[in-house]
Amino acid sequence: MNNLAGFIKKEFIHILRDPRTLIILFGLPVVQILIFGFVIRNEIQDVKIAILDYSKDDVTREITNKILSSGFFVLSENLTENNDIEEIFREGKIREVVIFESQFARKLEREGKASVQVLADASDPNSASLVVNYTRGIIFDYLKKASKEAAQPLKINAEVRMMYNPGLKSAFMFVPGTMALILMLVSAMMTSISIAREKETGTMEVLLVSPLRPIHIIVGKVTPYILLSCINAVVIIALGYFVFGLPVKGSLVLLLAETVLFISLALSLGILISTMASNQQVAMFLSVFVLMLPTILLSGFIFPIENMPKILQWVTFIVPPRYFIEILRSIMLKGTGFFNIWQQTTVLIGMTLFFIILSAVKFKTRLE
């Protein structure tokens, strides 16, 4: 019995002296519960919308103020004509446009009914449904209070139109996100594990003393994953198109070019992780913690970014899949060109160069 007690004590001491084990046991659950608690929300907040008011009367201004004062919406732009709607949606600046018909107050007073049109960006169908329901709820709440003071029953016809995904198919949201997740894991995780395995088994030293230069070793390691990732990307796009009916409205060449850019970024990130990992286990842990969780939670893949607390919204700016998912949805669903996604593309290029330079520096340092 004393031997068993001593053995248990030894195991406790071994666990408490290992920082990595303590992080997994206590740090990871705390981080996960905090992130999930703040990220997973059914309510909306600070959703950017635009208003197109053809009437500009007291009633439309009152409804607009009621929408904006609810705390759920932020006015991004006041539009002047219908032709501006498509462009502002393509730029990704807003999630919804509320259109008031001309002579809104006059029709409501004389005829007892008026019309308002609600257009929503349904490339994220779950978010679009929430946004529309909140907007209609606010409008009908105004109507309920106004009807009590009116001489006749009032009716506001709220016509809803879901842009880019009229059927609200969830595949239109999940396929681009899944594509980003798969490419990130295949490219980055497999690259980091592959290089870490070479170091763990001692074959990396053999390669380093061979005629091959370090850059040749890295290129040789990542080239197969570039080709495999490109095949994966084509397969995912084909499945999305033929099985789930996901359109590719934009340029296929631009889509593939952006995909290759993201794969390059993921590979450079995988190389960076491999320079910090001493073995495959550490490489796997870093890949899951640094790549998979942020891709699922903080990229806008499943949970809308504007619903997150401000501090997590700032964190999303350093999550590469956020920009790639925005690019995929813009090209595939909205048919946008390069000039509408140049900012996201520039960020991905900058991140790729940063990870490559940092990886080269750390790899050289380890060799010395």
Protein backbone atom coordinates (compact mmCIF):
# COMPACT_ATOMS: atom_id res chain seq x y z
CA MET A 1 0.00 0.00 0.00
CA ASN A 2 2.86 2.37 0.81
CA ASN A 3 4.39 1.57 -2.56
CA LEU A 4 1.14 2.48 -4.31
CA ALA A 5 0.87 5.75 -2.36
CA GLY A 6 4.44 6.60 -3.27
CA PHE A 7 3.80 5.83 -6.93
CA ILE A 8 0.68 8.03 -6.98
CA LYS A 9 2.62 10.84 -5.29
CA LYS A 10 5.36 10.51 -7.93
CA GLU A 11 2.79 10.80 -10.72
CA PHE A 12 1.30 13.94 -9.15
CA ILE A 13 4.75 15.51 -8.87
CA HIS A 14 5.55 14.53 -12.47
CA ILE A 15 2.33 16.14 -13.72
CA LEU A 16 2.75 19.32 -11.66
CA ARG A 17 6.33 19.78 -12.88
CA ASP A 18 5.37 19.52 -16.56
CA PRO A 19 4.12 22.92 -17.81
CA ARG A 20 2.70 21.45 -21.04
CA THR A 21 0.57 18.95 -19.11
CA LEU A 22 -0.71 21.68 -16.80
CA ILE A 23 -1.65 23.85 -19.78
CA ILE A 24 -3.61 20.98 -21.34
CA LEU A 25 -5.32 20.05 -18.05
CA PHE A 26 -6.21 23.51 -16.76
CA GLY A 27 -5.37 26.19 -19.32
CA LEU A 28 -7.08 24.72 -22.38
CA PRO A 29 -10.48 24.08 -20.69
CA VAL A 30 -10.55 27.62 -19.30
CA VAL A 31 -9.72 29.16 -22.67
CA GLN A 32 -12.28 26.98 -24.46
CA ILE A 33 -15.14 27.72 -22.07
CA LEU A 34 -14.43 31.46 -22.23
CA ILE A 35 -14.22 31.49 -26.03
CA PHE A 36 -17.30 29.30 -26.50
CA GLY A 37 -19.22 31.30 -23.90
CA PHE A 38 -18.56 34.59 -25.65
CA VAL A 39 -18.64 33.39 -29.26
CA ILE A 40 -21.77 31.21 -29.28
CA ARG A 41 -24.61 33.72 -29.15
CA ASN A 42 -28.10 33.62 -30.58
CA GLU A 43 -28.62 37.37 -30.41
CA ILE A 44 -27.18 39.95 -32.79
CA GLN A 45 -25.44 43.24 -32.17
CA ASP A 46 -23.84 46.05 -34.16
CA VAL A 47 -25.02 44.70 -37.51
CA LYS A 48 -24.17 47.21 -40.23
CA ILE A 49 -27.17 48.19 -42.36
CA ALA A 50 -28.08 50.77 -45.00
CA ILE A 51 -31.29 52.76 -45.35
CA LEU A 52 -32.88 53.73 -48.67
CA ASP A 53 -35.70 56.12 -47.81
CA TYR A 54 -37.73 57.30 -50.82
CA SER A 55 -40.27 58.99 -48.57
CA LYS A 56 -38.18 60.86 -45.97
CA ASP A 57 -41.19 61.66 -43.82
CA ASP A 58 -41.74 61.65 -40.06
CA VAL A 59 -42.93 58.03 -39.98
CA THR A 60 -39.96 56.57 -41.87
CA ARG A 61 -37.57 58.64 -39.77
CA GLU A 62 -39.26 57.38 -36.61
CA ILE A 63 -39.04 53.74 -37.74
CA THR A 64 -35.41 54.23 -38.75
CA ASN A 65 -34.58 55.74 -35.35
CA LYS A 66 -36.34 52.86 -33.63
CA ILE A 67 -34.29 50.33 -35.61
CA LEU A 68 -30.99 52.10 -34.91
CA SER A 69 -31.72 52.78 -31.23
CA SER A 70 -32.47 49.11 -30.58
CA GLY A 71 -28.76 48.38 -30.07
CA PHE A 72 -28.81 45.64 -32.67
CA PHE A 73 -28.04 47.72 -35.76
CA VAL A 74 -25.54 50.37 -36.84
CA LEU A 75 -26.20 52.66 -39.78
CA SER A 76 -23.42 52.27 -42.32
CA GLU A 77 -24.82 54.35 -45.17
CA ASN A 78 -27.86 56.30 -46.29
CA LEU A 79 -28.45 55.29 -49.91
CA THR A 80 -29.96 57.58 -52.52
CA GLU A 81 -30.86 55.18 -55.31
CA ASN A 82 -31.58 51.54 -55.97
CA ASN A 83 -28.47 51.03 -58.11
CA ASP A 84 -26.22 51.46 -55.06
CA ILE A 85 -27.58 48.36 -53.33
CA GLU A 86 -25.79 45.69 -55.36
CA GLU A 87 -22.42 47.40 -55.10
CA ILE A 88 -22.59 47.96 -51.35
CA PHE A 89 -23.49 44.30 -50.82
CA ARG A 90 -20.63 43.19 -53.06
CA GLU A 91 -18.19 45.29 -51.02
CA GLY A 92 -19.28 43.44 -47.90
CA LYS A 93 -19.88 46.63 -45.95
CA ILE A 94 -23.41 45.80 -44.81
CA ARG A 95 -25.67 42.87 -43.95
CA GLU A 96 -29.03 44.47 -44.70
CA VAL A 97 -30.79 47.25 -46.61
CA VAL A 98 -34.14 48.65 -45.48
CA ILE A 99 -36.11 50.36 -48.28
CA PHE A 100 -39.09 52.62 -47.56
CA GLU A 101 -41.42 53.28 -50.49
CA SER A 102 -42.28 56.81 -51.54
CA GLN A 103 -45.13 58.60 -49.71
CA PHE A 104 -44.90 56.03 -46.93
CA ALA A 105 -46.60 58.13 -44.21
CA ARG A 106 -49.28 59.39 -46.58
CA LYS A 107 -50.24 55.88 -47.71
CA LEU A 108 -50.25 54.62 -44.14
CA GLU A 109 -52.52 57.44 -43.04
CA ARG A 110 -54.95 57.44 -46.01
CA GLU A 111 -54.98 53.80 -47.11
CA GLY A 112 -54.04 52.19 -43.81
CA LYS A 113 -51.14 50.30 -45.38
CA ALA A 114 -47.62 50.92 -46.66
CA SER A 115 -44.70 48.81 -47.82
CA VAL A 116 -41.11 48.41 -46.69
CA GLN A 117 -38.60 46.10 -48.32
CA VAL A 118 -35.91 44.30 -46.34
CA LEU A 119 -32.91 42.97 -48.28
CA ALA A 120 -30.42 40.76 -46.45
CA ASP A 121 -27.05 39.26 -47.37
CA ALA A 122 -27.86 35.55 -47.09
CA SER A 123 -24.37 34.27 -47.87
CA ASP A 124 -24.52 33.54 -44.13
CA PRO A 125 -28.13 32.24 -43.95
CA ASN A 126 -28.33 31.88 -40.15
CA SER A 127 -27.20 35.43 -39.58
CA ALA A 128 -29.48 36.73 -42.35
CA SER A 129 -32.53 35.08 -40.79
CA LEU A 130 -31.75 36.62 -37.40
CA VAL A 131 -31.18 40.07 -38.89
CA VAL A 132 -34.45 39.98 -40.85
CA ASN A 133 -36.48 38.70 -37.90
CA TYR A 134 -35.09 41.40 -35.61
CA THR A 135 -35.87 44.11 -38.20
CA ARG A 136 -39.40 42.89 -38.81
CA GLY A 137 -39.99 42.62 -35.07
CA ILE A 138 -38.99 46.26 -34.56
CA ILE A 139 -41.19 47.42 -37.46
CA PHE A 140 -44.20 45.48 -36.22
CA ASP A 141 -43.64 46.76 -32.69
CA TYR A 142 -43.84 50.30 -34.06
CA LEU A 143 -46.97 49.34 -36.03
CA LYS A 144 -48.63 47.90 -32.92
CA LYS A 145 -48.14 51.12 -30.97
CA ALA A 146 -49.14 53.33 -33.90
CA SER A 147 -52.35 51.33 -34.50
CA LYS A 148 -53.61 52.17 -31.01
CA GLU A 149 -53.61 55.87 -31.87
CA ALA A 150 -54.90 55.52 -35.44
CA ALA A 151 -58.49 55.91 -36.55
CA GLN A 152 -58.29 52.79 -38.72
CA PRO A 153 -56.32 49.50 -38.66
CA LEU A 154 -52.78 49.96 -39.97
CA LYS A 155 -50.68 47.51 -41.90
CA ILE A 156 -47.04 47.62 -42.93
CA ASN A 157 -46.18 45.05 -45.56
CA ALA A 158 -42.55 43.99 -44.89
CA GLU A 159 -41.31 42.28 -48.05
CA VAL A 160 -38.18 40.20 -47.41
CA ARG A 161 -35.63 39.31 -50.07
CA MET A 162 -32.62 37.12 -49.33
CA MET A 163 -29.72 38.14 -51.56
CA TYR A 164 -27.28 35.55 -53.00
CA ASN A 165 -28.97 32.63 -51.23
CA PRO A 166 -32.75 32.84 -51.71
CA GLY A 167 -33.29 29.29 -50.47
CA LEU A 168 -31.25 29.91 -47.30
CA LYS A 169 -29.21 26.77 -47.99
CA SER A 170 -26.79 26.12 -45.13
CA ALA A 171 -24.32 24.59 -47.59
CA PHE A 172 -23.70 28.07 -49.00
CA MET A 173 -22.21 28.97 -45.61
CA PHE A 174 -20.56 25.70 -44.64
CA VAL A 175 -18.81 24.77 -47.89
CA PRO A 176 -16.52 27.87 -48.00
CA GLY A 177 -15.82 27.53 -44.27
CA THR A 178 -15.11 23.81 -44.54
CA MET A 179 -12.82 24.48 -47.49
CA ALA A 180 -10.81 26.95 -45.42
CA LEU A 181 -10.65 24.51 -42.49
CA ILE A 182 -9.55 21.54 -44.61
CA LEU A 183 -6.91 23.50 -46.50
CA MET A 184 -5.56 24.96 -43.26
CA LEU A 185 -5.34 21.56 -41.57
CA VAL A 186 -3.98 19.63 -44.55
CA SER A 187 -1.46 22.31 -45.50
CA ALA A 188 -0.32 23.61 -42.12
CA MET A 189 -0.84 20.70 -39.73
CA MET A 190 0.53 18.00 -42.02
CA THR A 191 3.53 20.13 -42.96
CA SER A 192 4.38 20.89 -39.34
CA ILE A 193 4.00 17.24 -38.31
CA SER A 194 6.04 16.03 -41.29
CA ILE A 195 8.99 18.29 -40.52
CA ALA A 196 8.71 17.63 -36.76
CA ARG A 197 8.81 13.89 -37.49
CA GLU A 198 12.07 14.33 -39.36
CA LYS A 199 13.55 16.11 -36.33
CA GLU A 200 12.15 13.58 -33.88
CA THR A 201 13.53 10.56 -35.74
CA GLY A 202 16.89 12.25 -36.37
CA THR A 203 16.62 12.16 -40.16
CA MET A 204 16.57 15.97 -40.32
CA GLU A 205 20.26 16.05 -39.33
CA VAL A 206 20.98 13.56 -42.13
CA LEU A 207 19.18 15.79 -44.61
CA LEU A 208 21.03 18.89 -43.39
CA VAL A 209 24.46 17.32 -43.97
CA SER A 210 23.41 16.14 -47.42
CA PRO A 211 24.11 18.21 -50.57
CA LEU A 212 20.61 19.65 -50.26
CA ARG A 213 20.33 23.20 -48.95
CA PRO A 214 17.81 24.00 -46.17
CA ILE A 215 15.59 25.81 -48.68
CA HIS A 216 15.58 22.70 -50.88
CA ILE A 217 14.55 20.57 -47.91
CA ILE A 218 11.67 22.89 -47.11
CA VAL A 219 10.56 23.09 -50.76
CA GLY A 220 10.75 19.32 -51.06
CA LYS A 221 8.63 18.92 -47.95
CA VAL A 222 5.89 21.39 -48.87
CA THR A 223 5.56 20.71 -52.63
CA PRO A 224 3.52 17.49 -52.21
CA TYR A 225 1.16 19.28 -49.82
CA ILE A 226 0.70 22.16 -52.28
CA LEU A 227 -0.40 19.73 -54.97
CA LEU A 228 -2.57 17.69 -52.61
CA SER A 229 -4.19 20.82 -51.19
CA CYS A 230 -4.94 22.12 -54.68
CA ILE A 231 -6.60 18.80 -55.52
CA ASN A 232 -8.59 19.04 -52.28
CA ALA A 233 -9.71 22.56 -53.18
CA VAL A 234 -10.88 21.52 -56.67
CA VAL A 235 -12.74 18.51 -55.22
CA ILE A 236 -14.48 20.70 -52.61
CA ILE A 237 -15.51 23.28 -55.21
CA ALA A 238 -16.79 20.54 -57.52
CA LEU A 239 -18.76 18.86 -54.72
CA GLY A 240 -20.21 22.20 -53.66
CA TYR A 241 -21.31 22.94 -57.23
CA PHE A 242 -22.63 19.54 -58.35
CA VAL A 243 -23.93 18.14 -55.05
CA PHE A 244 -25.05 21.18 -53.05
CA GLY A 245 -25.77 23.59 -55.91
CA LEU A 246 -23.26 26.16 -54.64
CA PRO A 247 -22.64 28.53 -57.57
CA VAL A 248 -19.37 30.05 -58.68
CA LYS A 249 -20.65 33.38 -60.00
CA GLY A 250 -17.24 35.05 -60.12
CA SER A 251 -14.04 34.23 -61.97
CA LEU A 252 -12.89 30.64 -61.50
CA VAL A 253 -9.30 31.70 -62.27
CA LEU A 254 -9.44 34.33 -59.51
CA LEU A 255 -10.94 31.77 -57.12
CA LEU A 256 -8.14 29.27 -57.79
CA ALA A 257 -5.47 31.98 -57.51
CA GLU A 258 -6.81 33.07 -54.12
CA THR A 259 -6.91 29.42 -53.05
CA VAL A 260 -3.26 28.90 -53.99
CA LEU A 261 -2.40 32.04 -52.00
CA PHE A 262 -4.19 30.70 -48.93
CA ILE A 263 -2.50 27.32 -49.30
CA SER A 264 0.89 29.08 -49.43
CA LEU A 265 0.01 30.98 -46.28
CA ALA A 266 -1.04 27.78 -44.50
CA LEU A 267 2.16 26.03 -45.55
CA SER A 268 4.30 28.90 -44.29
CA LEU A 269 2.41 28.79 -40.99
CA GLY A 270 2.99 25.03 -40.80
CA ILE A 271 6.73 25.54 -41.34
CA LEU A 272 6.75 28.15 -38.57
CA ILE A 273 5.02 25.73 -36.18
CA SER A 274 7.56 23.03 -37.05
CA THR A 275 10.44 25.33 -36.06
CA MET A 276 8.87 25.69 -32.59
CA ALA A 277 7.89 22.03 -32.13
CA SER A 278 10.42 19.50 -30.87
CA ASN A 279 8.29 16.47 -31.76
CA GLN A 280 5.11 15.41 -33.53
CA GLN A 281 2.99 15.60 -30.37
CA VAL A 282 3.88 19.24 -29.77
CA ALA A 283 3.33 20.02 -33.46
CA MET A 284 -0.11 18.41 -33.31
CA PHE A 285 -1.04 20.32 -30.14
CA LEU A 286 0.11 23.66 -31.56
CA SER A 287 -1.69 23.01 -34.83
CA VAL A 288 -4.99 22.22 -33.12
CA PHE A 289 -4.76 25.11 -30.67
CA VAL A 290 -3.39 27.71 -33.12
CA LEU A 291 -5.12 26.60 -36.32
CA MET A 292 -8.24 24.49 -35.91
CA LEU A 293 -9.99 26.22 -33.00
CA PRO A 294 -9.52 29.78 -34.33
CA THR A 295 -10.65 28.64 -37.80
CA ILE A 296 -13.87 27.18 -36.40
CA LEU A 297 -14.64 29.83 -33.80
CA LEU A 298 -13.08 33.14 -34.84
CA SER A 299 -13.15 33.19 -38.64
CA GLY A 300 -16.84 33.83 -39.22
CA PHE A 301 -17.15 30.24 -40.45
CA ILE A 302 -20.05 29.43 -38.10
CA PHE A 303 -20.49 32.36 -35.73
CA PRO A 304 -20.94 35.94 -37.04
CA ILE A 305 -17.99 38.13 -36.07
CA GLU A 306 -20.14 41.18 -35.28
CA ASN A 307 -21.90 39.17 -32.54
CA MET A 308 -18.65 38.65 -30.65
CA PRO A 309 -17.28 40.92 -27.91
CA LYS A 310 -15.02 43.71 -29.17
CA ILE A 311 -11.84 42.06 -27.89
CA LEU A 312 -12.60 38.87 -29.86
CA GLN A 313 -13.48 40.92 -32.93
CA TRP A 314 -9.99 42.43 -32.75
CA VAL A 315 -8.49 38.95 -32.40
CA THR A 316 -10.23 37.85 -35.62
CA PHE A 317 -8.08 40.30 -37.59
CA ILE A 318 -5.06 37.99 -37.08
CA VAL A 319 -6.97 34.84 -38.08
CA PRO A 320 -6.10 34.14 -41.76
CA PRO A 321 -9.19 31.99 -42.56
CA ARG A 322 -11.40 35.01 -41.81
CA TYR A 323 -10.12 36.76 -44.94
CA PHE A 324 -10.16 33.62 -47.09
CA ILE A 325 -13.78 32.81 -46.17
CA GLU A 326 -14.78 36.38 -47.03
CA ILE A 327 -13.01 36.00 -50.38
CA LEU A 328 -14.68 32.65 -51.12
CA ARG A 329 -18.18 33.90 -50.33
CA SER A 330 -17.63 37.08 -52.32
CA ILE A 331 -16.39 35.31 -55.46
CA MET A 332 -18.66 32.26 -55.35
CA LEU A 333 -21.94 33.82 -54.18
CA LYS A 334 -21.70 37.50 -55.10
CA GLY A 335 -19.60 37.26 -58.24
CA THR A 336 -17.26 40.00 -57.10
CA GLY A 337 -13.99 40.80 -58.87
CA PHE A 338 -10.53 41.49 -57.52
CA PHE A 339 -11.21 45.16 -56.79
CA ASN A 340 -13.81 44.18 -54.19
CA ILE A 341 -11.47 41.76 -52.38
CA TRP A 342 -8.09 43.44 -52.81
CA GLN A 343 -7.89 44.35 -49.14
CA GLN A 344 -8.36 40.74 -47.96
CA THR A 345 -5.90 39.57 -50.61
CA THR A 346 -3.30 42.11 -49.49
CA VAL A 347 -3.65 40.94 -45.89
CA LEU A 348 -3.13 37.30 -46.92
CA ILE A 349 -0.04 38.21 -48.98
CA GLY A 350 1.37 40.20 -46.05
CA MET A 351 0.76 37.33 -43.61
CA THR A 352 2.35 34.83 -45.99
CA LEU A 353 5.52 36.92 -46.35
CA PHE A 354 5.66 37.51 -42.58
CA PHE A 355 5.39 33.78 -41.77
CA ILE A 356 7.96 32.85 -44.44
CA ILE A 357 10.50 35.39 -43.15
CA LEU A 358 9.90 34.44 -39.51
CA SER A 359 10.18 30.73 -40.34
CA ALA A 360 13.44 31.29 -42.23
CA VAL A 361 14.91 33.24 -39.31
CA LYS A 362 13.87 30.63 -36.70
CA PHE A 363 14.99 27.73 -38.89
CA LYS A 364 18.40 29.35 -39.39
CA THR A 365 18.67 30.03 -35.66
CA ARG A 366 17.99 26.37 -34.83
CA LEU A 367 20.65 25.27 -37.30
CA GLU A 368 23.24 27.48 -35.60
